[in-house]
């Protein structure tokens, strides 16, 4: 069975919090000499996530 894909909608500040938290976790794992592969992948996905432009209605369309 194919794994389900999940999509999170977050703003730029929430993305920054996620990046900082994952980086701190990665640093802790390095200090404990444990593997960081999963955290590395998630950190890269979080940093490289594409931004989706929101569609906005023009003011004249409502009339």
C-alpha atoms as a PDB file:
ATOM      1  CA  UNK A   1       0.000   0.000   0.000  1.00  0.00           C
ATOM      2  CA  UNK A   2       1.230   3.487  -0.831  1.00  0.00           C
ATOM      3  CA  UNK A   3       1.982   5.766   2.103  1.00  0.00           C
ATOM      4  CA  UNK A   4      -0.378   8.686   2.567  1.00  0.00           C
ATOM      5  CA  UNK A   5       1.120  12.090   1.896  1.00  0.00           C
ATOM      6  CA  UNK A   6       0.442  14.854   4.402  1.00  0.00           C
ATOM      7  CA  UNK A   7       0.480  18.575   3.677  1.00  0.00           C
ATOM      8  CA  UNK A   8       0.963  21.238   6.350  1.00  0.00           C
ATOM      9  CA  UNK A   9      -0.024  24.842   5.792  1.00  0.00           C
ATOM     10  CA  UNK A  10       2.210  27.083   7.888  1.00  0.00           C
ATOM     11  CA  UNK A  11       3.367  30.673   7.703  1.00  0.00           C
ATOM     12  CA  UNK A  12       6.966  31.862   7.475  1.00  0.00           C
ATOM     13  CA  UNK A  13       7.298  32.267  11.255  1.00  0.00           C
ATOM     14  CA  UNK A  14       6.073  28.730  11.949  1.00  0.00           C
ATOM     15  CA  UNK A  15       8.517  27.436   9.348  1.00  0.00           C
ATOM     16  CA  UNK A  16      11.328  29.227  11.168  1.00  0.00           C
ATOM     17  CA  UNK A  17      10.314  27.639  14.464  1.00  0.00           C
ATOM     18  CA  UNK A  18      10.287  24.197  12.826  1.00  0.00           C
ATOM     19  CA  UNK A  19      13.723  24.714  11.279  1.00  0.00           C
ATOM     20  CA  UNK A  20      15.198  25.875  14.599  1.00  0.00           C
ATOM     21  CA  UNK A  21      13.649  22.967  16.528  1.00  0.00           C
ATOM     22  CA  UNK A  22      14.857  20.398  14.006  1.00  0.00           C
ATOM     23  CA  UNK A  23      18.325  21.938  13.979  1.00  0.00           C
ATOM     24  CA  UNK A  24      18.515  21.782  17.790  1.00  0.00           C
ATOM     25  CA  UNK A  25      17.406  18.136  17.690  1.00  0.00           C
ATOM     26  CA  UNK A  26      20.058  17.424  15.058  1.00  0.00           C
ATOM     27  CA  UNK A  27      22.750  19.077  17.186  1.00  0.00           C
ATOM     28  CA  UNK A  28      21.685  17.007  20.217  1.00  0.00           C
ATOM     29  CA  UNK A  29      21.847  13.807  18.177  1.00  0.00           C
ATOM     30  CA  UNK A  30      25.318  14.702  16.882  1.00  0.00           C
ATOM     31  CA  UNK A  31      26.490  15.391  20.426  1.00  0.00           C
ATOM     32  CA  UNK A  32      25.147  11.980  21.529  1.00  0.00           C
ATOM     33  CA  UNK A  33      26.813  10.390  18.469  1.00  0.00           C
ATOM     34  CA  UNK A  34      23.492   9.053  17.180  1.00  0.00           C
ATOM     35  CA  UNK A  35      22.394   8.923  13.515  1.00  0.00           C
ATOM     36  CA  UNK A  36      20.766  12.077  12.139  1.00  0.00           C
ATOM     37  CA  UNK A  37      19.536  10.780   8.766  1.00  0.00           C
ATOM     38  CA  UNK A  38      15.791  11.149   9.398  1.00  0.00           C
ATOM     39  CA  UNK A  39      16.153  14.607  10.959  1.00  0.00           C
ATOM     40  CA  UNK A  40      18.425  15.717   8.095  1.00  0.00           C
ATOM     41  CA  UNK A  41      15.834  14.730   5.491  1.00  0.00           C
ATOM     42  CA  UNK A  42      12.996  16.434   7.348  1.00  0.00           C
ATOM     43  CA  UNK A  43      15.087  19.561   7.886  1.00  0.00           C
ATOM     44  CA  UNK A  44      15.875  19.800   4.165  1.00  0.00           C
ATOM     45  CA  UNK A  45      12.212  19.273   3.241  1.00  0.00           C
ATOM     46  CA  UNK A  46      11.201  22.024   5.661  1.00  0.00           C
ATOM     47  CA  UNK A  47      13.796  24.464   4.335  1.00  0.00           C
ATOM     48  CA  UNK A  48      13.118  23.708   0.651  1.00  0.00           C
ATOM     49  CA  UNK A  49       9.310  23.605   0.891  1.00  0.00           C
ATOM     50  CA  UNK A  50       7.736  25.609  -1.940  1.00  0.00           C
ATOM     51  CA  UNK A  51       5.558  28.590  -1.128  1.00  0.00           C
ATOM     52  CA  UNK A  52       2.024  28.495  -2.470  1.00  0.00           C
ATOM     53  CA  UNK A  53       0.619  31.773  -3.668  1.00  0.00           C
ATOM     54  CA  UNK A  54      -2.826  32.563  -2.334  1.00  0.00           C
ATOM     55  CA  UNK A  55      -5.501  33.540  -4.811  1.00  0.00           C
ATOM     56  CA  UNK A  56      -7.006  36.861  -3.932  1.00  0.00           C
ATOM     57  CA  UNK A  57     -10.121  38.314  -5.400  1.00  0.00           C
ATOM     58  CA  UNK A  58      -9.926  41.770  -6.909  1.00  0.00           C
ATOM     59  CA  UNK A  59     -12.042  44.397  -5.198  1.00  0.00           C
ATOM     60  CA  UNK A  60     -14.142  44.991  -8.322  1.00  0.00           C
ATOM     61  CA  UNK A  61     -15.147  41.325  -8.646  1.00  0.00           C
ATOM     62  CA  UNK A  62     -17.344  41.447  -5.544  1.00  0.00           C
ATOM     63  CA  UNK A  63     -19.668  44.022  -7.099  1.00  0.00           C
END
